[in-house]
PDB file of all heavy atoms in Angstrom:
ATOM      1  N   ASP A   1      49.135  13.480  53.636  1.00  0.00           N
ATOM      2  CA  ASP A   1      50.266  12.755  54.197  1.00  0.00           C
ATOM      3  C   ASP A   1      49.932  11.311  54.517  1.00  0.00           C
ATOM      4  O   ASP A   1      50.817  10.504  54.778  1.00  0.00           O
ATOM      5  CB  ASP A   1      50.760  13.449  55.473  1.00  0.00           C
ATOM      6  CG  ASP A   1      51.292  14.832  55.175  1.00  0.00           C
ATOM      7  OD1 ASP A   1      51.741  15.025  54.021  1.00  0.00           O
ATOM      8  OD2 ASP A   1      51.248  15.707  56.065  1.00  0.00           O
ATOM      9  N   SER A   2      48.642  10.976  54.563  1.00  0.00           N
ATOM     10  CA  SER A   2      48.250   9.611  54.907  1.00  0.00           C
ATOM     11  C   SER A   2      48.404   8.682  53.716  1.00  0.00           C
ATOM     12  O   SER A   2      48.286   9.096  52.565  1.00  0.00           O
ATOM     13  CB  SER A   2      46.797   9.596  55.389  1.00  0.00           C
ATOM     14  OG  SER A   2      45.935   9.997  54.343  1.00  0.00           O
ATOM     15  N   GLN A   3      48.660   7.396  53.960  1.00  0.00           N
ATOM     16  CA  GLN A   3      48.826   6.407  52.911  1.00  0.00           C
ATOM     17  C   GLN A   3      47.568   5.552  52.858  1.00  0.00           C
ATOM     18  O   GLN A   3      47.238   4.837  53.803  1.00  0.00           O
ATOM     19  CB  GLN A   3      50.051   5.516  53.194  1.00  0.00           C
ATOM     20  CG  GLN A   3      51.353   6.290  53.250  1.00  0.00           C
ATOM     21  CD  GLN A   3      51.694   6.890  51.898  1.00  0.00           C
ATOM     22  OE1 GLN A   3      51.342   6.338  50.856  1.00  0.00           O
ATOM     23  NE2 GLN A   3      52.382   8.024  51.923  1.00  0.00           N
ATOM     24  N   THR A   4      46.851   5.613  51.800  1.00  0.00           N
ATOM     25  CA  THR A   4      45.592   4.878  51.681  1.00  0.00           C
ATOM     26  C   THR A   4      45.815   3.425  51.326  1.00  0.00           C
ATOM     27  O   THR A   4      44.986   2.577  51.577  1.00  0.00           O
ATOM     28  CB  THR A   4      44.695   5.523  50.623  1.00  0.00           C
ATOM     29  OG1 THR A   4      45.382   5.491  49.386  1.00  0.00           O
ATOM     30  CG2 THR A   4      44.390   6.955  50.990  1.00  0.00           C
ATOM     31  N   GLY A   5      46.925   3.140  50.673  1.00  0.00           N
ATOM     32  CA  GLY A   5      47.232   1.764  50.313  1.00  0.00           C
ATOM     33  C   GLY A   5      46.491   1.275  49.100  1.00  0.00           C
ATOM     34  O   GLY A   5      46.532   0.101  48.780  1.00  0.00           O
ATOM     35  N   SER A   6      45.808   2.131  48.400  1.00  0.00           N
ATOM     36  CA  SER A   6      45.096   1.711  47.198  1.00  0.00           C
ATOM     37  C   SER A   6      45.198   2.797  46.160  1.00  0.00           C
ATOM     38  O   SER A   6      45.398   3.956  46.472  1.00  0.00           O
ATOM     39  CB  SER A   6      43.627   1.406  47.506  1.00  0.00           C
ATOM     40  OG  SER A   6      42.988   2.563  47.968  1.00  0.00           O
ATOM     41  N   ASN A   7      44.999   2.397  44.950  1.00  0.00           N
ATOM     42  CA  ASN A   7      45.081   3.326  43.829  1.00  0.00           C
ATOM     43  C   ASN A   7      43.685   3.652  43.364  1.00  0.00           C
ATOM     44  O   ASN A   7      42.986   2.787  42.852  1.00  0.00           O
ATOM     45  CB  ASN A   7      45.903   2.692  42.689  1.00  0.00           C
ATOM     46  CG  ASN A   7      46.094   3.673  41.550  1.00  0.00           C
ATOM     47  OD1 ASN A   7      45.970   4.878  41.743  1.00  0.00           O
ATOM     48  ND2 ASN A   7      46.398   3.163  40.372  1.00  0.00           N
ATOM     49  N   PRO A   8      43.208   4.896  43.538  1.00  0.00           N
ATOM     50  CA  PRO A   8      41.839   5.236  43.127  1.00  0.00           C
ATOM     51  C   PRO A   8      41.650   5.030  41.640  1.00  0.00           C
ATOM     52  O   PRO A   8      42.569   5.149  40.854  1.00  0.00           O
ATOM     53  CB  PRO A   8      41.712   6.724  43.518  1.00  0.00           C
ATOM     54  CG  PRO A   8      42.796   6.948  44.507  1.00  0.00           C
ATOM     55  CD  PRO A   8      43.890   6.021  44.152  1.00  0.00           C
ATOM     56  N   SER A   9      40.444   4.744  41.270  1.00  0.00           N
ATOM     57  CA  SER A   9      40.124   4.555  39.856  1.00  0.00           C
ATOM     58  C   SER A   9      40.274   5.850  39.101  1.00  0.00           C
ATOM     59  O   SER A   9      40.291   6.925  39.654  1.00  0.00           O
ATOM     60  CB  SER A   9      38.687   4.044  39.725  1.00  0.00           C
ATOM     61  OG  SER A   9      38.308   4.008  38.380  1.00  0.00           O
ATOM     62  N   SER A  10      40.382   5.726  37.800  1.00  0.00           N
ATOM     63  CA  SER A  10      40.551   6.911  36.973  1.00  0.00           C
ATOM     64  C   SER A  10      39.242   7.613  36.688  1.00  0.00           C
ATOM     65  O   SER A  10      39.227   8.662  36.068  1.00  0.00           O
ATOM     66  CB  SER A  10      41.198   6.517  35.641  1.00  0.00           C
ATOM     67  OG  SER A  10      40.335   5.656  34.951  1.00  0.00           O
ATOM     68  N   LEU A  11      38.102   7.032  37.095  1.00  0.00           N
ATOM     69  CA  LEU A  11      36.804   7.670  36.836  1.00  0.00           C
ATOM     70  C   LEU A  11      36.336   8.390  38.087  1.00  0.00           C
ATOM     71  O   LEU A  11      36.252   7.806  39.140  1.00  0.00           O
ATOM     72  CB  LEU A  11      35.770   6.628  36.420  1.00  0.00           C
ATOM     73  CG  LEU A  11      34.377   7.167  36.092  1.00  0.00           C
ATOM     74  CD1 LEU A  11      34.462   8.060  34.886  1.00  0.00           C
ATOM     75  CD2 LEU A  11      33.408   6.042  35.849  1.00  0.00           C
ATOM     76  N   LEU A  12      36.057   9.685  37.969  1.00  0.00           N
ATOM     77  CA  LEU A  12      35.623  10.483  39.108  1.00  0.00           C
ATOM     78  C   LEU A  12      34.516  11.409  38.667  1.00  0.00           C
ATOM     79  O   LEU A  12      34.652  12.114  37.681  1.00  0.00           O
ATOM     80  CB  LEU A  12      36.800  11.315  39.646  1.00  0.00           C
ATOM     81  CG  LEU A  12      36.447  12.341  40.711  1.00  0.00           C
ATOM     82  CD1 LEU A  12      35.933  11.643  41.961  1.00  0.00           C
ATOM     83  CD2 LEU A  12      37.643  13.203  41.035  1.00  0.00           C
ATOM     84  N   TYR A  13      33.384  11.397  39.399  1.00  0.00           N
ATOM     85  CA  TYR A  13      32.342  12.373  39.146  1.00  0.00           C
ATOM     86  C   TYR A  13      31.588  12.616  40.440  1.00  0.00           C
ATOM     87  O   TYR A  13      31.634  11.813  41.370  1.00  0.00           O
ATOM     88  CB  TYR A  13      31.387  11.927  38.017  1.00  0.00           C
ATOM     89  CG  TYR A  13      30.532  10.722  38.338  1.00  0.00           C
ATOM     90  CD1 TYR A  13      29.249  10.888  38.850  1.00  0.00           C
ATOM     91  CD2 TYR A  13      31.006   9.444  38.104  1.00  0.00           C
ATOM     92  CE1 TYR A  13      28.464   9.796  39.135  1.00  0.00           C
ATOM     93  CE2 TYR A  13      30.223   8.348  38.386  1.00  0.00           C
ATOM     94  CZ  TYR A  13      28.948   8.533  38.902  1.00  0.00           C
ATOM     95  OH  TYR A  13      28.178   7.466  39.186  1.00  0.00           O
ATOM     96  N   PHE A  14      30.897  13.740  40.516  1.00  0.00           N
ATOM     97  CA  PHE A  14      30.140  14.105  41.701  1.00  0.00           C
ATOM     98  C   PHE A  14      28.713  13.629  41.546  1.00  0.00           C
ATOM     99  O   PHE A  14      28.062  13.939  40.539  1.00  0.00           O
ATOM    100  CB  PHE A  14      30.170  15.628  41.910  1.00  0.00           C
ATOM    101  CG  PHE A  14      31.533  16.134  42.214  1.00  0.00           C
ATOM    102  CD1 PHE A  14      32.276  16.765  41.230  1.00  0.00           C
ATOM    103  CD2 PHE A  14      32.094  15.974  43.472  1.00  0.00           C
ATOM    104  CE1 PHE A  14      33.537  17.228  41.509  1.00  0.00           C
ATOM    105  CE2 PHE A  14      33.342  16.440  43.740  1.00  0.00           C
ATOM    106  CZ  PHE A  14      34.078  17.064  42.777  1.00  0.00           C
ATOM    107  N   GLU A  15      28.224  12.905  42.551  1.00  0.00           N
ATOM    108  CA  GLU A  15      26.854  12.430  42.532  1.00  0.00           C
ATOM    109  C   GLU A  15      25.957  13.430  43.257  1.00  0.00           C
ATOM    110  O   GLU A  15      26.366  14.067  44.220  1.00  0.00           O
ATOM    111  CB  GLU A  15      26.758  11.076  43.236  1.00  0.00           C
ATOM    112  CG  GLU A  15      27.480   9.964  42.472  1.00  0.00           C
ATOM    113  CD  GLU A  15      27.238   8.632  43.132  1.00  0.00           C
ATOM    114  OE1 GLU A  15      26.939   8.625  44.333  1.00  0.00           O
ATOM    115  OE2 GLU A  15      27.328   7.617  42.448  1.00  0.00           O
ATOM    116  N   HIS A  16      24.754  13.553  42.795  1.00  0.00           N
ATOM    117  CA  HIS A  16      23.749  14.386  43.444  1.00  0.00           C
ATOM    118  C   HIS A  16      22.484  13.559  43.571  1.00  0.00           C
ATOM    119  O   HIS A  16      22.018  12.956  42.596  1.00  0.00           O
ATOM    120  CB  HIS A  16      23.474  15.646  42.619  1.00  0.00           C
ATOM    121  CG  HIS A  16      22.737  16.690  43.399  1.00  0.00           C
ATOM    122  ND1 HIS A  16      21.402  16.622  43.644  1.00  0.00           N
ATOM    123  CD2 HIS A  16      23.190  17.824  43.999  1.00  0.00           C
ATOM    124  CE1 HIS A  16      21.022  17.670  44.347  1.00  0.00           C
ATOM    125  NE2 HIS A  16      22.085  18.400  44.581  1.00  0.00           N
ATOM    126  N   PRO A  17      21.852  13.475  44.740  1.00  0.00           N
ATOM    127  CA  PRO A  17      20.710  12.579  44.939  1.00  0.00           C
ATOM    128  C   PRO A  17      19.479  12.968  44.151  1.00  0.00           C
ATOM    129  O   PRO A  17      18.575  12.161  44.028  1.00  0.00           O
ATOM    130  CB  PRO A  17      20.448  12.696  46.444  1.00  0.00           C
ATOM    131  CG  PRO A  17      21.035  14.021  46.836  1.00  0.00           C
ATOM    132  CD  PRO A  17      22.202  14.213  45.951  1.00  0.00           C
ATOM    133  N   GLU A  18      19.424  14.187  43.630  1.00  0.00           N
ATOM    134  CA  GLU A  18      18.193  14.620  42.976  1.00  0.00           C
ATOM    135  C   GLU A  18      18.356  14.843  41.483  1.00  0.00           C
ATOM    136  O   GLU A  18      17.386  14.961  40.773  1.00  0.00           O
ATOM    137  CB  GLU A  18      17.698  15.926  43.611  1.00  0.00           C
ATOM    138  CG  GLU A  18      17.371  15.778  45.083  1.00  0.00           C
ATOM    139  CD  GLU A  18      16.960  17.094  45.699  1.00  0.00           C
ATOM    140  OE1 GLU A  18      16.986  18.093  44.966  1.00  0.00           O
ATOM    141  OE2 GLU A  18      16.620  17.118  46.876  1.00  0.00           O
ATOM    142  N   LYS A  19      19.585  14.963  40.992  1.00  0.00           N
ATOM    143  CA  LYS A  19      19.791  15.293  39.592  1.00  0.00           C
ATOM    144  C   LYS A  19      20.491  14.154  38.870  1.00  0.00           C
ATOM    145  O   LYS A  19      21.236  13.380  39.467  1.00  0.00           O
ATOM    146  CB  LYS A  19      20.622  16.576  39.456  1.00  0.00           C
ATOM    147  CG  LYS A  19      19.904  17.800  40.003  1.00  0.00           C
ATOM    148  CD  LYS A  19      20.732  19.032  39.762  1.00  0.00           C
ATOM    149  CE  LYS A  19      20.041  20.280  40.287  1.00  0.00           C
ATOM    150  NZ  LYS A  19      20.822  21.491  40.067  1.00  0.00           N
ATOM    151  N   GLU A  20      20.283  14.077  37.590  1.00  0.00           N
ATOM    152  CA  GLU A  20      20.937  13.074  36.776  1.00  0.00           C
ATOM    153  C   GLU A  20      22.323  13.556  36.381  1.00  0.00           C
ATOM    154  O   GLU A  20      22.531  14.744  36.134  1.00  0.00           O
ATOM    155  CB  GLU A  20      20.117  12.820  35.512  1.00  0.00           C
ATOM    156  CG  GLU A  20      18.749  12.255  35.800  1.00  0.00           C
ATOM    157  CD  GLU A  20      17.954  12.041  34.541  1.00  0.00           C
ATOM    158  OE1 GLU A  20      18.448  12.450  33.473  1.00  0.00           O
ATOM    159  OE2 GLU A  20      16.875  11.478  34.616  1.00  0.00           O
ATOM    160  N   VAL A  21      23.258  12.644  36.268  1.00  0.00           N
ATOM    161  CA  VAL A  21      24.612  12.975  35.850  1.00  0.00           C
ATOM    162  C   VAL A  21      24.697  12.782  34.347  1.00  0.00           C
ATOM    163  O   VAL A  21      24.473  11.681  33.847  1.00  0.00           O
ATOM    164  CB  VAL A  21      25.639  12.071  36.557  1.00  0.00           C
ATOM    165  CG1 VAL A  21      27.029  12.367  36.057  1.00  0.00           C
ATOM    166  CG2 VAL A  21      25.570  12.316  38.062  1.00  0.00           C
ATOM    167  N   GLN A  22      25.004  13.829  33.638  1.00  0.00           N
ATOM    168  CA  GLN A  22      25.065  13.766  32.186  1.00  0.00           C
ATOM    169  C   GLN A  22      26.490  13.825  31.648  1.00  0.00           C
ATOM    170  O   GLN A  22      26.769  13.324  30.585  1.00  0.00           O
ATOM    171  CB  GLN A  22      24.265  14.907  31.565  1.00  0.00           C
ATOM    172  CG  GLN A  22      22.792  14.836  31.912  1.00  0.00           C
ATOM    173  CD  GLN A  22      22.026  15.937  31.241  1.00  0.00           C
ATOM    174  OE1 GLN A  22      22.581  16.727  30.502  1.00  0.00           O
ATOM    175  NE2 GLN A  22      20.735  15.995  31.503  1.00  0.00           N
ATOM    176  N   ASN A  23      27.379  14.457  32.359  1.00  0.00           N
ATOM    177  CA  ASN A  23      28.737  14.640  31.856  1.00  0.00           C
ATOM    178  C   ASN A  23      29.784  14.298  32.906  1.00  0.00           C
ATOM    179  O   ASN A  23      30.441  15.192  33.426  1.00  0.00           O
ATOM    180  CB  ASN A  23      28.941  16.077  31.372  1.00  0.00           C
ATOM    181  CG  ASN A  23      28.136  16.365  30.133  1.00  0.00           C
ATOM    182  OD1 ASN A  23      28.251  15.676  29.141  1.00  0.00           O
ATOM    183  ND2 ASN A  23      27.309  17.385  30.216  1.00  0.00           N
ATOM    184  N   PRO A  24      29.925  13.007  33.306  1.00  0.00           N
ATOM    185  CA  PRO A  24      31.039  12.672  34.179  1.00  0.00           C
ATOM    186  C   PRO A  24      32.342  12.873  33.430  1.00  0.00           C
ATOM    187  O   PRO A  24      32.380  12.753  32.206  1.00  0.00           O
ATOM    188  CB  PRO A  24      30.807  11.196  34.514  1.00  0.00           C
ATOM    189  CG  PRO A  24      30.012  10.680  33.379  1.00  0.00           C
ATOM    190  CD  PRO A  24      29.150  11.815  32.927  1.00  0.00           C
ATOM    191  N   THR A  25      33.404  13.138  34.134  1.00  0.00           N
ATOM    192  CA  THR A  25      34.694  13.456  33.507  1.00  0.00           C
ATOM    193  C   THR A  25      35.705  12.358  33.797  1.00  0.00           C
ATOM    194  O   THR A  25      35.844  11.945  34.942  1.00  0.00           O
ATOM    195  CB  THR A  25      35.243  14.789  34.031  1.00  0.00           C
ATOM    196  OG1 THR A  25      34.271  15.786  33.784  1.00  0.00           O
ATOM    197  CG2 THR A  25      36.547  15.159  33.339  1.00  0.00           C
ATOM    198  N   ILE A  26      36.389  11.891  32.764  1.00  0.00           N
ATOM    199  CA  ILE A  26      37.448  10.912  32.937  1.00  0.00           C
ATOM    200  C   ILE A  26      38.711  11.643  33.361  1.00  0.00           C
ATOM    201  O   ILE A  26      39.204  12.508  32.643  1.00  0.00           O
ATOM    202  CB  ILE A  26      37.711  10.153  31.622  1.00  0.00           C
ATOM    203  CG1 ILE A  26      36.455   9.404  31.179  1.00  0.00           C
ATOM    204  CG2 ILE A  26      38.862   9.181  31.780  1.00  0.00           C
ATOM    205  CD1 ILE A  26      36.045   8.297  32.106  1.00  0.00           C
ATOM    206  N   ILE A  27      39.242  11.294  34.538  1.00  0.00           N
ATOM    207  CA  ILE A  27      40.482  11.904  35.024  1.00  0.00           C
ATOM    208  C   ILE A  27      41.496  10.789  35.182  1.00  0.00           C
ATOM    209  O   ILE A  27      41.306   9.884  35.987  1.00  0.00           O
ATOM    210  CB  ILE A  27      40.273  12.629  36.359  1.00  0.00           C
ATOM    211  CG1 ILE A  27      39.196  13.705  36.174  1.00  0.00           C
ATOM    212  CG2 ILE A  27      41.570  13.238  36.866  1.00  0.00           C
ATOM    213  CD1 ILE A  27      38.910  14.466  37.434  1.00  0.00           C
ATOM    214  N   THR A  28      42.558  10.824  34.439  1.00  0.00           N
ATOM    215  CA  THR A  28      43.516   9.729  34.435  1.00  0.00           C
ATOM    216  C   THR A  28      44.441   9.810  35.618  1.00  0.00           C
ATOM    217  O   THR A  28      44.744  10.879  36.122  1.00  0.00           O
ATOM    218  CB  THR A  28      44.354   9.757  33.146  1.00  0.00           C
ATOM    219  OG1 THR A  28      45.008  11.011  33.084  1.00  0.00           O
ATOM    220  CG2 THR A  28      43.482   9.597  31.921  1.00  0.00           C
ATOM    221  N   THR A  29      44.917   8.626  36.065  1.00  0.00           N
ATOM    222  CA  THR A  29      45.880   8.547  37.150  1.00  0.00           C
ATOM    223  C   THR A  29      47.273   8.759  36.607  1.00  0.00           C
ATOM    224  O   THR A  29      47.497   8.706  35.399  1.00  0.00           O
ATOM    225  CB  THR A  29      45.784   7.168  37.810  1.00  0.00           C
ATOM    226  OG1 THR A  29      46.082   6.182  36.821  1.00  0.00           O
ATOM    227  CG2 THR A  29      44.404   6.917  38.372  1.00  0.00           C
ATOM    228  N   PRO A  30      48.293   8.992  37.485  1.00  0.00           N
ATOM    229  CA  PRO A  30      49.661   9.215  36.995  1.00  0.00           C
ATOM    230  C   PRO A  30      50.188   8.077  36.151  1.00  0.00           C
ATOM    231  O   PRO A  30      51.032   8.283  35.300  1.00  0.00           O
ATOM    232  CB  PRO A  30      50.462   9.384  38.295  1.00  0.00           C
ATOM    233  CG  PRO A  30      49.471   9.889  39.285  1.00  0.00           C
ATOM    234  CD  PRO A  30      48.186   9.222  38.931  1.00  0.00           C
ATOM    235  N   SER A  31      49.721   6.847  36.356  1.00  0.00           N
ATOM    236  CA  SER A  31      50.231   5.723  35.577  1.00  0.00           C
ATOM    237  C   SER A  31      49.783   5.767  34.133  1.00  0.00           C
ATOM    238  O   SER A  31      50.299   5.045  33.296  1.00  0.00           O
ATOM    239  CB  SER A  31      49.759   4.406  36.209  1.00  0.00           C
ATOM    240  OG  SER A  31      48.334   4.345  36.203  1.00  0.00           O
ATOM    241  N   ASP A  32      48.808   6.616  33.811  1.00  0.00           N
ATOM    242  CA  ASP A  32      48.323   6.703  32.437  1.00  0.00           C
ATOM    243  C   ASP A  32      49.216   7.537  31.547  1.00  0.00           C
ATOM    244  O   ASP A  32      48.995   7.601  30.350  1.00  0.00           O
ATOM    245  CB  ASP A  32      46.896   7.278  32.424  1.00  0.00           C
ATOM    246  CG  ASP A  32      45.917   6.314  33.064  1.00  0.00           C
ATOM    247  OD1 ASP A  32      46.189   5.106  33.103  1.00  0.00           O
ATOM    248  OD2 ASP A  32      44.885   6.807  33.547  1.00  0.00           O
ATOM    249  N   GLU A  33      50.177   8.241  32.114  1.00  0.00           N
ATOM    250  CA  GLU A  33      51.186   8.976  31.354  1.00  0.00           C
ATOM    251  C   GLU A  33      50.590   9.951  30.350  1.00  0.00           C
ATOM    252  O   GLU A  33      50.591   9.750  29.140  1.00  0.00           O
ATOM    253  CB  GLU A  33      52.116   8.000  30.626  1.00  0.00           C
ATOM    254  CG  GLU A  33      52.896   7.119  31.579  1.00  0.00           C
ATOM    255  CD  GLU A  33      53.804   6.157  30.843  1.00  0.00           C
ATOM    256  OE1 GLU A  33      53.782   6.180  29.608  1.00  0.00           O
ATOM    257  OE2 GLU A  33      54.528   5.412  31.514  1.00  0.00           O
ATOM    258  N   TYR A  34      49.993  11.010  30.885  1.00  0.00           N
ATOM    259  CA  TYR A  34      49.545  12.141  30.086  1.00  0.00           C
ATOM    260  C   TYR A  34      48.446  11.801  29.108  1.00  0.00           C
ATOM    261  O   TYR A  34      48.393  12.325  27.986  1.00  0.00           O
ATOM    262  CB  TYR A  34      50.717  12.769  29.314  1.00  0.00           C
ATOM    263  CG  TYR A  34      51.880  13.110  30.173  1.00  0.00           C
ATOM    264  CD1 TYR A  34      53.028  12.327  30.190  1.00  0.00           C
ATOM    265  CD2 TYR A  34      51.841  14.227  31.008  1.00  0.00           C
ATOM    266  CE1 TYR A  34      54.105  12.640  30.997  1.00  0.00           C
ATOM    267  CE2 TYR A  34      52.921  14.541  31.828  1.00  0.00           C
ATOM    268  CZ  TYR A  34      54.051  13.728  31.806  1.00  0.00           C
ATOM    269  OH  TYR A  34      55.106  14.044  32.600  1.00  0.00           O
ATOM    270  N   ASP A  35      47.563  10.902  29.453  1.00  0.00           N
ATOM    271  CA  ASP A  35      46.415  10.639  28.582  1.00  0.00           C
ATOM    272  C   ASP A  35      45.494  11.833  28.577  1.00  0.00           C
ATOM    273  O   ASP A  35      45.381  12.569  29.546  1.00  0.00           O
ATOM    274  CB  ASP A  35      45.632   9.412  29.066  1.00  0.00           C
ATOM    275  CG  ASP A  35      46.456   8.144  28.891  1.00  0.00           C
ATOM    276  OD1 ASP A  35      47.153   8.064  27.869  1.00  0.00           O
ATOM    277  OD2 ASP A  35      46.389   7.272  29.780  1.00  0.00           O
ATOM    278  N   ASP A  36      44.811  12.028  27.458  1.00  0.00           N
ATOM    279  CA  ASP A  36      43.903  13.157  27.339  1.00  0.00           C
ATOM    280  C   ASP A  36      42.675  12.944  28.204  1.00  0.00           C
ATOM    281  O   ASP A  36      42.284  11.822  28.520  1.00  0.00           O
ATOM    282  CB  ASP A  36      43.469  13.344  25.880  1.00  0.00           C
ATOM    283  CG  ASP A  36      44.651  13.775  25.025  1.00  0.00           C
ATOM    284  OD1 ASP A  36      45.571  14.395  25.586  1.00  0.00           O
ATOM    285  OD2 ASP A  36      44.618  13.492  23.821  1.00  0.00           O
ATOM    286  N   VAL A  37      42.029  14.062  28.563  1.00  0.00           N
ATOM    287  CA  VAL A  37      40.798  14.013  29.343  1.00  0.00           C
ATOM    288  C   VAL A  37      39.633  14.233  28.398  1.00  0.00           C
ATOM    289  O   VAL A  37      39.646  15.156  27.589  1.00  0.00           O
ATOM    290  CB  VAL A  37      40.806  15.099  30.434  1.00  0.00           C
ATOM    291  CG1 VAL A  37      39.501  15.072  31.207  1.00  0.00           C
ATOM    292  CG2 VAL A  37      41.969  14.854  31.378  1.00  0.00           C
ATOM    293  N   GLU A  38      38.606  13.399  28.492  1.00  0.00           N
ATOM    294  CA  GLU A  38      37.475  13.472  27.559  1.00  0.00           C
ATOM    295  C   GLU A  38      36.164  13.342  28.307  1.00  0.00           C
ATOM    296  O   GLU A  38      36.060  12.575  29.264  1.00  0.00           O
ATOM    297  CB  GLU A  38      37.610  12.349  26.520  1.00  0.00           C
ATOM    298  CG  GLU A  38      36.517  12.364  25.458  1.00  0.00           C
ATOM    299  CD  GLU A  38      36.741  11.276  24.425  1.00  0.00           C
ATOM    300  OE1 GLU A  38      37.846  10.736  24.380  1.00  0.00           O
ATOM    301  OE2 GLU A  38      35.810  10.963  23.698  1.00  0.00           O
ATOM    302  N   ASP A  39      35.169  14.074  27.906  1.00  0.00           N
ATOM    303  CA  ASP A  39      33.842  13.975  28.491  1.00  0.00           C
ATOM    304  C   ASP A  39      33.035  12.914  27.751  1.00  0.00           C
ATOM    305  O   ASP A  39      33.010  12.893  26.520  1.00  0.00           O
ATOM    306  CB  ASP A  39      33.104  15.323  28.391  1.00  0.00           C
ATOM    307  CG  ASP A  39      33.740  16.346  29.298  1.00  0.00           C
ATOM    308  OD1 ASP A  39      34.452  15.922  30.228  1.00  0.00           O
ATOM    309  OD2 ASP A  39      33.506  17.544  29.083  1.00  0.00           O
ATOM    310  N   ILE A  40      32.365  12.035  28.517  1.00  0.00           N
ATOM    311  CA  ILE A  40      31.555  10.975  27.921  1.00  0.00           C
ATOM    312  C   ILE A  40      30.142  11.104  28.454  1.00  0.00           C
ATOM    313  O   ILE A  40      29.926  11.185  29.666  1.00  0.00           O
ATOM    314  CB  ILE A  40      32.128   9.591  28.262  1.00  0.00           C
ATOM    315  CG1 ILE A  40      33.545   9.481  27.694  1.00  0.00           C
ATOM    316  CG2 ILE A  40      31.241   8.478  27.746  1.00  0.00           C
ATOM    317  CD1 ILE A  40      34.197   8.154  27.942  1.00  0.00           C
ATOM    318  N   GLU A  41      29.170  11.137  27.560  1.00  0.00           N
ATOM    319  CA  GLU A  41      27.790  11.342  27.958  1.00  0.00           C
ATOM    320  C   GLU A  41      27.144  10.010  28.346  1.00  0.00           C
ATOM    321  O   GLU A  41      27.295   8.992  27.670  1.00  0.00           O
ATOM    322  CB  GLU A  41      27.005  11.977  26.812  1.00  0.00           C
ATOM    323  CG  GLU A  41      27.502  13.376  26.474  1.00  0.00           C
ATOM    324  CD  GLU A  41      26.631  14.006  25.416  1.00  0.00           C
ATOM    325  OE1 GLU A  41      25.704  13.314  24.951  1.00  0.00           O
ATOM    326  OE2 GLU A  41      26.884  15.169  25.075  1.00  0.00           O
ATOM    327  N   LEU A  42      26.408  10.028  29.452  1.00  0.00           N
ATOM    328  CA  LEU A  42      25.606   8.882  29.872  1.00  0.00           C
ATOM    329  C   LEU A  42      24.183   9.070  29.368  1.00  0.00           C
ATOM    330  O   LEU A  42      23.789  10.155  28.954  1.00  0.00           O
ATOM    331  CB  LEU A  42      25.611   8.770  31.405  1.00  0.00           C
ATOM    332  CG  LEU A  42      26.968   8.456  32.052  1.00  0.00           C
ATOM    333  CD1 LEU A  42      26.803   8.471  33.567  1.00  0.00           C
ATOM    334  CD2 LEU A  42      27.481   7.104  31.608  1.00  0.00           C
ATOM    335  N   GLU A  43      23.430   8.000  29.421  1.00  0.00           N
ATOM    336  CA  GLU A  43      22.028   8.108  29.048  1.00  0.00           C
ATOM    337  C   GLU A  43      21.316   9.006  30.035  1.00  0.00           C
ATOM    338  O   GLU A  43      21.485   8.905  31.249  1.00  0.00           O
ATOM    339  CB  GLU A  43      21.387   6.714  29.049  1.00  0.00           C
ATOM    340  CG  GLU A  43      21.994   5.782  28.010  1.00  0.00           C
ATOM    341  CD  GLU A  43      21.350   4.398  28.060  1.00  0.00           C
ATOM    342  OE1 GLU A  43      20.411   4.225  28.866  1.00  0.00           O
ATOM    343  OE2 GLU A  43      21.786   3.534  27.305  1.00  0.00           O
ATOM    344  N   GLU A  44      20.500   9.923  29.541  1.00  0.00           N
ATOM    345  CA  GLU A  44      19.833  10.888  30.394  1.00  0.00           C
ATOM    346  C   GLU A  44      18.830  10.224  31.325  1.00  0.00           C
ATOM    347  O   GLU A  44      18.523  10.751  32.396  1.00  0.00           O
ATOM    348  CB  GLU A  44      19.125  11.930  29.530  1.00  0.00           C
ATOM    349  CG  GLU A  44      20.102  12.777  28.718  1.00  0.00           C
ATOM    350  CD  GLU A  44      19.377  13.863  27.957  1.00  0.00           C
ATOM    351  OE1 GLU A  44      18.132  13.921  28.085  1.00  0.00           O
ATOM    352  OE2 GLU A  44      20.029  14.633  27.249  1.00  0.00           O
ATOM    353  N   SER A  45      18.322   9.057  30.912  1.00  0.00           N
ATOM    354  CA  SER A  45      17.301   8.416  31.736  1.00  0.00           C
ATOM    355  C   SER A  45      17.876   7.668  32.923  1.00  0.00           C
ATOM    356  O   SER A  45      17.139   7.165  33.752  1.00  0.00           O
ATOM    357  CB  SER A  45      16.486   7.441  30.875  1.00  0.00           C
ATOM    358  OG  SER A  45      17.343   6.447  30.341  1.00  0.00           O
TER     359      SER A  45
END
């Protein structure tokens, strides 16, 4: 119910202090109008 006053970015992933992130997920905002969701691999290092 609260109004944040900002529009979060379309990129969302969970960070872990000990593990590398290999598959962050692109999640589009409502303004993207039904864009597909795709997994993009980062460099493992």
